[in-house]
Amino acid sequence: MDALENVVSGVPPSRQHAVDAPAAAARALARKAAVRAAGLSGALALPPGVLGMLTVLPDLVAIWRIQAQLVSDIAGLYGKDLQLTRSHMVYCLFRHAATQFTRDVVVRTGQRLVVRQLSGGALKSVLTSIGMTVTQRIAGTAASRWVPVIGAAAVAAYAYYDTLQVAKTAIRLLETPAMVELE
């Protein structure tokens, strides 16, 4: 859980600047990040047995870091990088994986998303609530370490898919007219 908290404790600076067609640029950026995440995750899934088991957590942390940078870069494309908070980051990284977590972080008001700023304690609580999802992902990833080539392909495919889902969530959030209303 500490590794997860370390990844989302800060928002990485965006390496992108606002552009005229941010959605198209964001999709292109997402594909590049997804390929990078898939390559990294697939490579880390190749070692068999016990050695492979040792790569599970570093794999997840590396993917989350790639995805966090992607979210920040997409915000930069939309010119909203300075508005991006760790609450937004957690939402984008884990919305598709944890419905309960989403209910804790996001409140829908009309057509606007209102994202609450989380205190340190609330963030820990939210991260604990997605712990089960992470544990299940680790178990699936760990199981794939015993069948190296097939497992590596499956892990790479999931990392690719997961990264694209993070990008979709970030794009949807950033296209919301009033992205943020902080309490």
N, C-alpha and C. Protein backbone atom coordinates (compact mmCIF):
# COMPACT_ATOMS: atom_id res chain seq x y z
N MET A 1 0.82 -1.19 0.00
CA MET A 1 0.00 0.00 0.00
C MET A 1 0.87 1.26 0.00
N ASP A 2 2.06 1.19 0.63
CA ASP A 2 2.96 2.34 0.64
C ASP A 2 3.40 2.70 -0.77
N ALA A 3 3.67 1.68 -1.59
CA ALA A 3 4.09 1.94 -2.98
C ALA A 3 2.99 2.67 -3.73
N LEU A 4 1.76 2.27 -3.53
CA LEU A 4 0.62 2.92 -4.17
C LEU A 4 0.49 4.37 -3.71
N GLU A 5 0.62 4.58 -2.42
CA GLU A 5 0.53 5.94 -1.88
C GLU A 5 1.65 6.82 -2.41
N ASN A 6 2.86 6.26 -2.54
CA ASN A 6 3.99 7.03 -3.07
C ASN A 6 3.74 7.47 -4.51
N VAL A 7 3.11 6.61 -5.30
CA VAL A 7 2.86 6.94 -6.70
C VAL A 7 1.87 8.10 -6.82
N VAL A 8 0.82 8.09 -5.99
CA VAL A 8 -0.22 9.11 -6.12
C VAL A 8 -0.07 10.27 -5.15
N SER A 9 0.99 10.28 -4.36
CA SER A 9 1.15 11.34 -3.37
C SER A 9 1.47 12.68 -4.00
N GLY A 10 1.98 12.67 -5.19
CA GLY A 10 2.28 13.92 -5.88
C GLY A 10 1.83 13.84 -7.32
N VAL A 11 1.74 14.97 -7.94
CA VAL A 11 1.36 15.03 -9.34
C VAL A 11 2.62 15.38 -10.13
N PRO A 12 3.05 14.49 -11.03
CA PRO A 12 4.27 14.81 -11.79
C PRO A 12 4.04 16.02 -12.69
N PRO A 13 5.06 16.81 -12.91
CA PRO A 13 4.89 17.97 -13.80
C PRO A 13 4.64 17.50 -15.23
N SER A 14 3.78 18.21 -15.91
CA SER A 14 3.47 17.87 -17.29
C SER A 14 4.66 18.21 -18.19
N ARG A 15 4.86 17.37 -19.19
CA ARG A 15 5.89 17.63 -20.19
C ARG A 15 5.28 18.17 -21.47
N GLN A 16 3.98 18.46 -21.43
CA GLN A 16 3.25 18.91 -22.62
C GLN A 16 2.68 20.31 -22.40
N HIS A 17 2.43 21.00 -23.50
CA HIS A 17 1.82 22.32 -23.46
C HIS A 17 0.47 22.27 -24.15
N ALA A 18 -0.38 23.23 -23.85
CA ALA A 18 -1.72 23.29 -24.45
C ALA A 18 -1.62 23.30 -25.97
N VAL A 19 -2.53 22.56 -26.61
CA VAL A 19 -2.58 22.49 -28.07
C VAL A 19 -4.02 22.75 -28.53
N ASP A 20 -4.18 23.03 -29.83
CA ASP A 20 -5.50 23.33 -30.38
C ASP A 20 -6.43 22.12 -30.42
N ALA A 21 -5.90 20.94 -30.65
CA ALA A 21 -6.71 19.71 -30.70
C ALA A 21 -6.21 18.74 -29.63
N PRO A 22 -6.53 19.03 -28.36
CA PRO A 22 -5.97 18.21 -27.28
C PRO A 22 -6.44 16.75 -27.27
N ALA A 23 -7.68 16.50 -27.68
CA ALA A 23 -8.18 15.12 -27.65
C ALA A 23 -7.37 14.22 -28.58
N ALA A 24 -7.11 14.68 -29.79
CA ALA A 24 -6.33 13.88 -30.75
C ALA A 24 -4.90 13.70 -30.26
N ALA A 25 -4.31 14.77 -29.74
CA ALA A 25 -2.94 14.68 -29.21
C ALA A 25 -2.90 13.75 -28.00
N ALA A 26 -3.94 13.80 -27.17
CA ALA A 26 -3.99 12.94 -25.99
C ALA A 26 -4.10 11.48 -26.38
N ARG A 27 -4.89 11.17 -27.39
CA ARG A 27 -5.01 9.78 -27.84
C ARG A 27 -3.68 9.26 -28.39
N ALA A 28 -2.97 10.10 -29.12
CA ALA A 28 -1.66 9.70 -29.64
C ALA A 28 -0.67 9.48 -28.49
N LEU A 29 -0.70 10.36 -27.52
CA LEU A 29 0.16 10.23 -26.34
C LEU A 29 -0.20 8.96 -25.56
N ALA A 30 -1.50 8.67 -25.48
CA ALA A 30 -1.97 7.48 -24.76
C ALA A 30 -1.46 6.21 -25.43
N ARG A 31 -1.51 6.18 -26.76
CA ARG A 31 -1.03 4.99 -27.46
C ARG A 31 0.46 4.77 -27.21
N LYS A 32 1.24 5.86 -27.23
CA LYS A 32 2.67 5.74 -26.95
C LYS A 32 2.92 5.25 -25.54
N ALA A 33 2.20 5.80 -24.58
CA ALA A 33 2.37 5.38 -23.18
C ALA A 33 1.92 3.93 -23.00
N ALA A 34 0.85 3.54 -23.70
CA ALA A 34 0.35 2.17 -23.60
C ALA A 34 1.36 1.18 -24.16
N VAL A 35 1.99 1.54 -25.26
CA VAL A 35 3.03 0.67 -25.84
C VAL A 35 4.21 0.56 -24.87
N ARG A 36 4.61 1.69 -24.29
CA ARG A 36 5.72 1.67 -23.32
C ARG A 36 5.35 0.83 -22.10
N ALA A 37 4.13 0.99 -21.59
CA ALA A 37 3.68 0.22 -20.43
C ALA A 37 3.63 -1.27 -20.76
N ALA A 38 3.12 -1.60 -21.95
CA ALA A 38 3.04 -3.01 -22.36
C ALA A 38 4.43 -3.62 -22.50
N GLY A 39 5.33 -2.89 -23.11
CA GLY A 39 6.71 -3.39 -23.27
C GLY A 39 7.39 -3.64 -21.94
N LEU A 40 7.26 -2.68 -21.06
CA LEU A 40 7.87 -2.80 -19.74
C LEU A 40 7.26 -3.96 -18.96
N SER A 41 5.93 -3.99 -18.93
CA SER A 41 5.24 -5.02 -18.17
C SER A 41 5.50 -6.41 -18.75
N GLY A 42 5.49 -6.51 -20.08
CA GLY A 42 5.78 -7.80 -20.72
C GLY A 42 7.19 -8.27 -20.43
N ALA A 43 8.15 -7.35 -20.47
CA ALA A 43 9.55 -7.71 -20.18
C ALA A 43 9.72 -8.16 -18.72
N LEU A 44 9.06 -7.45 -17.82
CA LEU A 44 9.17 -7.83 -16.41
C LEU A 44 8.44 -9.13 -16.10
N ALA A 45 7.52 -9.53 -16.96
CA ALA A 45 6.78 -10.78 -16.75
C ALA A 45 7.51 -11.99 -17.31
N LEU A 46 8.60 -11.79 -18.05
CA LEU A 46 9.31 -12.91 -18.66
C LEU A 46 10.05 -13.82 -17.67
N PRO A 47 10.71 -13.28 -16.66
CA PRO A 47 11.41 -14.19 -15.75
C PRO A 47 10.44 -15.19 -15.11
N PRO A 48 10.78 -16.48 -15.14
CA PRO A 48 9.87 -17.50 -14.59
C PRO A 48 10.03 -17.68 -13.08
N GLY A 49 9.04 -18.34 -12.50
CA GLY A 49 9.10 -18.79 -11.11
C GLY A 49 9.30 -17.69 -10.09
N VAL A 50 10.16 -17.99 -9.13
CA VAL A 50 10.39 -17.09 -8.00
C VAL A 50 10.97 -15.75 -8.46
N LEU A 51 11.89 -15.79 -9.41
CA LEU A 51 12.46 -14.55 -9.92
C LEU A 51 11.36 -13.67 -10.52
N GLY A 52 10.44 -14.29 -11.23
CA GLY A 52 9.31 -13.57 -11.80
C GLY A 52 8.42 -12.96 -10.73
N MET A 53 8.26 -13.68 -9.63
CA MET A 53 7.43 -13.18 -8.52
C MET A 53 8.00 -11.88 -7.96
N LEU A 54 9.31 -11.76 -7.98
CA LEU A 54 9.96 -10.57 -7.43
C LEU A 54 9.73 -9.33 -8.31
N THR A 55 9.26 -9.54 -9.53
CA THR A 55 9.04 -8.40 -10.43
C THR A 55 7.62 -7.85 -10.39
N VAL A 56 6.71 -8.52 -9.66
CA VAL A 56 5.30 -8.12 -9.68
C VAL A 56 5.10 -6.69 -9.16
N LEU A 57 5.55 -6.41 -7.96
CA LEU A 57 5.34 -5.08 -7.40
C LEU A 57 6.09 -4.00 -8.16
N PRO A 58 7.37 -4.20 -8.51
CA PRO A 58 8.03 -3.18 -9.34
C PRO A 58 7.31 -2.93 -10.66
N ASP A 59 6.73 -3.97 -11.24
CA ASP A 59 5.97 -3.84 -12.48
C ASP A 59 4.77 -2.91 -12.26
N LEU A 60 3.99 -3.17 -11.23
CA LEU A 60 2.81 -2.33 -10.96
C LEU A 60 3.19 -0.89 -10.70
N VAL A 61 4.22 -0.68 -9.90
CA VAL A 61 4.65 0.68 -9.57
C VAL A 61 5.13 1.40 -10.84
N ALA A 62 5.88 0.72 -11.66
CA ALA A 62 6.37 1.33 -12.90
C ALA A 62 5.21 1.70 -13.83
N ILE A 63 4.23 0.83 -13.94
CA ILE A 63 3.06 1.11 -14.79
C ILE A 63 2.30 2.30 -14.24
N TRP A 64 2.08 2.34 -12.92
CA TRP A 64 1.36 3.47 -12.32
C TRP A 64 2.11 4.78 -12.55
N ARG A 65 3.43 4.73 -12.52
CA ARG A 65 4.21 5.95 -12.77
C ARG A 65 4.06 6.41 -14.22
N ILE A 66 4.09 5.47 -15.14
CA ILE A 66 3.87 5.80 -16.55
C ILE A 66 2.48 6.42 -16.72
N GLN A 67 1.50 5.80 -16.08
CA GLN A 67 0.13 6.29 -16.20
C GLN A 67 -0.05 7.65 -15.53
N ALA A 68 0.59 7.86 -14.39
CA ALA A 68 0.51 9.16 -13.71
C ALA A 68 1.10 10.26 -14.60
N GLN A 69 2.23 9.97 -15.22
CA GLN A 69 2.84 10.94 -16.12
C GLN A 69 1.93 11.20 -17.31
N LEU A 70 1.30 10.15 -17.80
CA LEU A 70 0.35 10.28 -18.92
C LEU A 70 -0.79 11.22 -18.55
N VAL A 71 -1.37 11.03 -17.37
CA VAL A 71 -2.48 11.89 -16.92
C VAL A 71 -2.00 13.34 -16.85
N SER A 72 -0.84 13.54 -16.27
CA SER A 72 -0.29 14.90 -16.17
C SER A 72 -0.04 15.51 -17.54
N ASP A 73 0.51 14.72 -18.45
CA ASP A 73 0.78 15.21 -19.80
C ASP A 73 -0.51 15.52 -20.55
N ILE A 74 -1.54 14.69 -20.36
CA ILE A 74 -2.83 14.97 -20.99
C ILE A 74 -3.41 16.27 -20.43
N ALA A 75 -3.29 16.48 -19.14
CA ALA A 75 -3.75 17.74 -18.54
C ALA A 75 -3.00 18.92 -19.16
N GLY A 76 -1.71 18.75 -19.42
CA GLY A 76 -0.92 19.79 -20.07
C GLY A 76 -1.44 20.10 -21.46
N LEU A 77 -1.82 19.07 -22.21
CA LEU A 77 -2.37 19.27 -23.55
C LEU A 77 -3.66 20.10 -23.51
N TYR A 78 -4.43 19.91 -22.44
CA TYR A 78 -5.68 20.65 -22.27
C TYR A 78 -5.46 22.01 -21.59
N GLY A 79 -4.20 22.28 -21.20
CA GLY A 79 -3.91 23.54 -20.51
C GLY A 79 -4.42 23.56 -19.08
N LYS A 80 -4.60 22.38 -18.49
CA LYS A 80 -5.15 22.28 -17.14
C LYS A 80 -4.19 21.61 -16.16
N ASP A 81 -2.91 21.57 -16.52
CA ASP A 81 -1.94 20.87 -15.67
C ASP A 81 -1.82 21.51 -14.29
N LEU A 82 -2.00 22.80 -14.17
CA LEU A 82 -1.89 23.45 -12.86
C LEU A 82 -3.11 23.18 -11.99
N GLN A 83 -4.21 22.74 -12.58
CA GLN A 83 -5.41 22.42 -11.82
C GLN A 83 -5.43 20.97 -11.34
N LEU A 84 -4.54 20.16 -11.86
CA LEU A 84 -4.53 18.73 -11.56
C LEU A 84 -4.07 18.49 -10.12
N THR A 85 -4.87 17.75 -9.35
CA THR A 85 -4.55 17.44 -7.96
C THR A 85 -4.31 15.94 -7.80
N ARG A 86 -3.88 15.54 -6.63
CA ARG A 86 -3.70 14.10 -6.40
C ARG A 86 -5.04 13.38 -6.38
N SER A 87 -6.12 14.08 -6.03
CA SER A 87 -7.45 13.47 -6.10
C SER A 87 -7.80 13.14 -7.54
N HIS A 88 -7.50 14.05 -8.46
CA HIS A 88 -7.73 13.78 -9.88
C HIS A 88 -6.88 12.59 -10.33
N MET A 89 -5.64 12.57 -9.86
CA MET A 89 -4.71 11.51 -10.25
C MET A 89 -5.25 10.15 -9.81
N VAL A 90 -5.66 10.05 -8.56
CA VAL A 90 -6.21 8.79 -8.05
C VAL A 90 -7.45 8.41 -8.85
N TYR A 91 -8.30 9.37 -9.11
CA TYR A 91 -9.52 9.11 -9.88
C TYR A 91 -9.18 8.55 -11.27
N CYS A 92 -8.27 9.20 -11.96
CA CYS A 92 -7.92 8.76 -13.31
C CYS A 92 -7.24 7.40 -13.32
N LEU A 93 -6.36 7.16 -12.36
CA LEU A 93 -5.61 5.91 -12.35
C LEU A 93 -6.48 4.70 -12.00
N PHE A 94 -7.50 4.91 -11.15
CA PHE A 94 -8.20 3.75 -10.62
C PHE A 94 -9.70 3.74 -10.84
N ARG A 95 -10.25 4.72 -11.55
CA ARG A 95 -11.69 4.78 -11.75
C ARG A 95 -12.24 3.51 -12.38
N HIS A 96 -11.62 3.04 -13.41
CA HIS A 96 -12.11 1.86 -14.14
C HIS A 96 -11.91 0.57 -13.36
N ALA A 97 -11.10 0.61 -12.32
CA ALA A 97 -10.79 -0.62 -11.57
C ALA A 97 -11.54 -0.73 -10.25
N ALA A 98 -12.07 0.35 -9.75
CA ALA A 98 -12.66 0.30 -8.41
C ALA A 98 -13.88 1.20 -8.30
N THR A 99 -15.05 0.63 -8.51
CA THR A 99 -16.29 1.40 -8.48
C THR A 99 -16.52 2.02 -7.11
N GLN A 100 -16.29 1.29 -6.04
CA GLN A 100 -16.49 1.82 -4.70
C GLN A 100 -15.60 3.02 -4.46
N PHE A 101 -14.36 2.92 -4.90
CA PHE A 101 -13.42 4.04 -4.77
C PHE A 101 -13.97 5.26 -5.49
N THR A 102 -14.50 5.05 -6.67
CA THR A 102 -15.04 6.16 -7.45
C THR A 102 -16.14 6.88 -6.70
N ARG A 103 -17.03 6.12 -6.07
CA ARG A 103 -18.11 6.75 -5.31
C ARG A 103 -17.56 7.58 -4.17
N ASP A 104 -16.44 7.16 -3.58
CA ASP A 104 -15.87 7.92 -2.48
C ASP A 104 -15.24 9.22 -2.93
N VAL A 105 -14.76 9.29 -4.15
CA VAL A 105 -14.01 10.45 -4.62
C VAL A 105 -14.85 11.41 -5.46
N VAL A 106 -15.77 10.87 -6.27
CA VAL A 106 -16.45 11.72 -7.23
C VAL A 106 -17.93 11.84 -6.92
N VAL A 107 -18.44 13.05 -7.03
CA VAL A 107 -19.86 13.30 -6.87
C VAL A 107 -20.36 13.92 -8.18
N ARG A 108 -21.40 13.35 -8.74
CA ARG A 108 -21.91 13.90 -9.99
C ARG A 108 -22.95 14.97 -9.67
N THR A 109 -22.79 16.13 -10.25
CA THR A 109 -23.73 17.22 -10.08
C THR A 109 -24.10 17.73 -11.46
N GLY A 110 -25.28 17.37 -11.93
CA GLY A 110 -25.68 17.74 -13.28
C GLY A 110 -24.72 17.10 -14.26
N GLN A 111 -24.10 17.91 -15.09
CA GLN A 111 -23.15 17.39 -16.06
C GLN A 111 -21.72 17.67 -15.64
N ARG A 112 -21.54 18.12 -14.40
CA ARG A 112 -20.21 18.49 -13.94
C ARG A 112 -19.69 17.46 -12.95
N LEU A 113 -18.40 17.21 -12.99
CA LEU A 113 -17.76 16.35 -11.99
C LEU A 113 -17.20 17.24 -10.90
N VAL A 114 -17.51 16.91 -9.68
CA VAL A 114 -16.98 17.65 -8.56
C VAL A 114 -16.03 16.71 -7.83
N VAL A 115 -14.77 17.03 -7.83
CA VAL A 115 -13.77 16.17 -7.20
C VAL A 115 -13.33 16.81 -5.90
N ARG A 116 -13.51 16.08 -4.80
CA ARG A 116 -13.13 16.59 -3.49
C ARG A 116 -11.64 16.44 -3.26
N GLN A 117 -11.06 17.41 -2.60
CA GLN A 117 -9.65 17.32 -2.21
C GLN A 117 -9.59 16.36 -1.02
N LEU A 118 -8.75 15.37 -1.09
CA LEU A 118 -8.67 14.37 -0.04
C LEU A 118 -7.59 14.74 0.97
N SER A 119 -7.93 14.59 2.24
CA SER A 119 -6.92 14.75 3.28
C SER A 119 -6.04 13.52 3.25
N GLY A 120 -4.93 13.58 3.97
CA GLY A 120 -4.02 12.42 4.02
C GLY A 120 -4.73 11.18 4.53
N GLY A 121 -5.53 11.32 5.59
CA GLY A 121 -6.27 10.18 6.15
C GLY A 121 -7.30 9.64 5.19
N ALA A 122 -8.01 10.54 4.53
CA ALA A 122 -9.03 10.11 3.56
C ALA A 122 -8.37 9.40 2.38
N LEU A 123 -7.23 9.92 1.95
CA LEU A 123 -6.52 9.28 0.84
C LEU A 123 -6.10 7.87 1.24
N LYS A 124 -5.58 7.70 2.46
CA LYS A 124 -5.21 6.36 2.93
C LYS A 124 -6.42 5.43 2.93
N SER A 125 -7.56 5.96 3.38
CA SER A 125 -8.78 5.16 3.41
C SER A 125 -9.20 4.73 2.02
N VAL A 126 -9.14 5.66 1.07
CA VAL A 126 -9.49 5.36 -0.30
C VAL A 126 -8.52 4.34 -0.89
N LEU A 127 -7.24 4.54 -0.64
CA LEU A 127 -6.24 3.60 -1.17
C LEU A 127 -6.42 2.22 -0.57
N THR A 128 -6.83 2.15 0.69
CA THR A 128 -7.10 0.86 1.32
C THR A 128 -8.29 0.19 0.64
N SER A 129 -9.30 0.99 0.27
CA SER A 129 -10.49 0.42 -0.36
C SER A 129 -10.19 -0.18 -1.73
N ILE A 130 -9.15 0.30 -2.39
CA ILE A 130 -8.81 -0.31 -3.69
C ILE A 130 -7.74 -1.38 -3.53
N GLY A 131 -7.34 -1.62 -2.31
CA GLY A 131 -6.33 -2.65 -2.05
C GLY A 131 -6.72 -4.02 -2.56
N MET A 132 -8.01 -4.33 -2.46
CA MET A 132 -8.47 -5.65 -2.91
C MET A 132 -8.30 -5.78 -4.42
N THR A 133 -8.62 -4.74 -5.14
CA THR A 133 -8.45 -4.77 -6.59
C THR A 133 -6.98 -4.95 -6.95
N VAL A 134 -6.13 -4.23 -6.25
CA VAL A 134 -4.70 -4.34 -6.50
C VAL A 134 -4.21 -5.74 -6.16
N THR A 135 -4.70 -6.29 -5.05
CA THR A 135 -4.31 -7.64 -4.64
C THR A 135 -4.72 -8.65 -5.70
N GLN A 136 -5.93 -8.50 -6.24
CA GLN A 136 -6.38 -9.42 -7.29
C GLN A 136 -5.50 -9.29 -8.53
N ARG A 137 -5.13 -8.06 -8.86
CA ARG A 137 -4.27 -7.85 -10.03
C ARG A 137 -2.91 -8.47 -9.80
N ILE A 138 -2.37 -8.32 -8.59
CA ILE A 138 -1.08 -8.92 -8.26
C ILE A 138 -1.17 -10.43 -8.37
N ALA A 139 -2.27 -11.01 -7.87
CA ALA A 139 -2.42 -12.46 -7.93
C ALA A 139 -2.46 -12.94 -9.37
N GLY A 140 -3.19 -12.24 -10.22
CA GLY A 140 -3.25 -12.61 -11.64
C GLY A 140 -1.91 -12.45 -12.31
N THR A 141 -1.23 -11.36 -12.01
CA THR A 141 0.09 -11.11 -12.58
C THR A 141 1.08 -12.16 -12.07
N ALA A 142 1.00 -12.47 -10.79
CA ALA A 142 1.90 -13.46 -10.21
C ALA A 142 1.69 -14.83 -10.84
N ALA A 143 0.43 -15.19 -11.06
CA ALA A 143 0.15 -16.48 -11.67
C ALA A 143 0.75 -16.56 -13.07
N SER A 144 0.72 -15.44 -13.78
CA SER A 144 1.27 -15.45 -15.14
C SER A 144 2.78 -15.63 -15.16
N ARG A 145 3.44 -15.39 -14.04
CA ARG A 145 4.90 -15.53 -13.98
C ARG A 145 5.33 -16.98 -14.11
N TRP A 146 4.41 -17.91 -13.94
CA TRP A 146 4.76 -19.32 -14.01
C TRP A 146 4.67 -19.85 -15.44
N VAL A 147 4.06 -19.14 -16.34
CA VAL A 147 3.99 -19.51 -17.74
C VAL A 147 4.57 -18.33 -18.51
N PRO A 148 5.89 -18.24 -18.59
CA PRO A 148 6.57 -17.02 -19.02
C PRO A 148 6.11 -16.36 -20.32
N VAL A 149 6.13 -17.04 -21.44
CA VAL A 149 5.84 -16.37 -22.71
C VAL A 149 4.36 -16.00 -22.82
N ILE A 150 3.49 -16.93 -22.53
CA ILE A 150 2.05 -16.65 -22.60
C ILE A 150 1.68 -15.62 -21.53
N GLY A 151 2.25 -15.81 -20.34
CA GLY A 151 1.98 -14.86 -19.25
C GLY A 151 2.47 -13.47 -19.58
N ALA A 152 3.65 -13.37 -20.17
CA ALA A 152 4.20 -12.06 -20.53
C ALA A 152 3.31 -11.36 -21.55
N ALA A 153 2.82 -12.11 -22.52
CA ALA A 153 1.93 -11.52 -23.53
C ALA A 153 0.63 -11.04 -22.89
N ALA A 154 0.09 -11.85 -21.99
CA ALA A 154 -1.15 -11.46 -21.31
C ALA A 154 -0.95 -10.23 -20.43
N VAL A 155 0.15 -10.20 -19.69
CA VAL A 155 0.45 -9.06 -18.82
C VAL A 155 0.67 -7.81 -19.66
N ALA A 156 1.37 -7.94 -20.77
CA ALA A 156 1.61 -6.79 -21.66
C ALA A 156 0.29 -6.27 -22.23
N ALA A 157 -0.57 -7.20 -22.66
CA ALA A 157 -1.87 -6.79 -23.22
C ALA A 157 -2.70 -6.06 -22.17
N TYR A 158 -2.68 -6.56 -20.95
CA TYR A 158 -3.45 -5.90 -19.88
C TYR A 158 -2.87 -4.51 -19.58
N ALA A 159 -1.57 -4.38 -19.54
CA ALA A 159 -0.95 -3.08 -19.27
C ALA A 159 -1.32 -2.09 -20.36
N TYR A 160 -1.34 -2.55 -21.60
CA TYR A 160 -1.73 -1.69 -22.73
C TYR A 160 -3.17 -1.22 -22.55
N TYR A 161 -4.07 -2.18 -22.32
CA TYR A 161 -5.49 -1.88 -22.14
C TYR A 161 -5.70 -0.93 -20.94
N ASP A 162 -5.08 -1.25 -19.83
CA ASP A 162 -5.24 -0.47 -18.60
C ASP A 162 -4.78 0.97 -18.81
N THR A 163 -3.67 1.16 -19.50
CA THR A 163 -3.15 2.50 -19.75
C THR A 163 -4.10 3.29 -20.65
N LEU A 164 -4.69 2.64 -21.65
CA LEU A 164 -5.67 3.32 -22.49
C LEU A 164 -6.91 3.72 -21.69
N GLN A 165 -7.31 2.88 -20.72
CA GLN A 165 -8.47 3.21 -19.88
C GLN A 165 -8.17 4.43 -19.01
N VAL A 166 -6.97 4.50 -18.48
CA VAL A 166 -6.56 5.66 -17.68
C VAL A 166 -6.63 6.92 -18.55
N ALA A 167 -6.14 6.83 -19.77
CA ALA A 167 -6.18 7.98 -20.68
C ALA A 167 -7.61 8.40 -20.99
N LYS A 168 -8.50 7.44 -21.24
CA LYS A 168 -9.90 7.76 -21.51
C LYS A 168 -10.52 8.51 -20.33
N THR A 169 -10.24 8.03 -19.14
CA THR A 169 -10.77 8.68 -17.94
C THR A 169 -10.25 10.10 -17.83
N ALA A 170 -8.96 10.28 -18.05
CA ALA A 170 -8.36 11.62 -17.96
C ALA A 170 -8.95 12.55 -19.01
N ILE A 171 -9.12 12.07 -20.22
CA ILE A 171 -9.68 12.90 -21.29
C ILE A 171 -11.10 13.31 -20.92
N ARG A 172 -11.92 12.36 -20.47
CA ARG A 172 -13.29 12.68 -20.08
C ARG A 172 -13.32 13.72 -18.97
N LEU A 173 -12.46 13.54 -17.98
CA LEU A 173 -12.40 14.49 -16.86
C LEU A 173 -11.99 15.87 -17.34
N LEU A 174 -10.98 15.93 -18.17
CA LEU A 174 -10.44 17.21 -18.62
C LEU A 174 -11.34 17.91 -19.62
N GLU A 175 -12.21 17.17 -20.29
CA GLU A 175 -13.16 17.78 -21.21
C GLU A 175 -14.41 18.29 -20.51
N THR A 176 -14.54 18.01 -19.22
CA THR A 176 -15.66 18.51 -18.44
C THR A 176 -15.49 20.01 -18.31
N PRO A 177 -16.54 20.80 -18.64
CA PRO A 177 -16.40 22.25 -18.61
C PRO A 177 -15.84 22.80 -17.29
N ALA A 178 -16.38 22.36 -16.18
CA ALA A 178 -15.85 22.80 -14.90
C ALA A 178 -15.19 21.59 -14.27
N MET A 179 -13.93 21.37 -14.62
CA MET A 179 -13.24 20.16 -14.19
C MET A 179 -13.20 20.03 -12.68
N VAL A 180 -13.04 21.13 -11.99
CA VAL A 180 -12.78 21.04 -10.58
C VAL A 180 -13.61 22.03 -9.79
N GLU A 181 -14.14 21.57 -8.70
CA GLU A 181 -14.71 22.44 -7.67
C GLU A 181 -14.17 21.89 -6.37
N LEU A 182 -13.18 22.52 -5.82
CA LEU A 182 -12.59 22.03 -4.58
C LEU A 182 -13.30 22.64 -3.39
N GLU A 183 -13.50 21.80 -2.39
CA GLU A 183 -14.15 22.27 -1.16
C GLU A 183 -13.14 22.96 -0.28
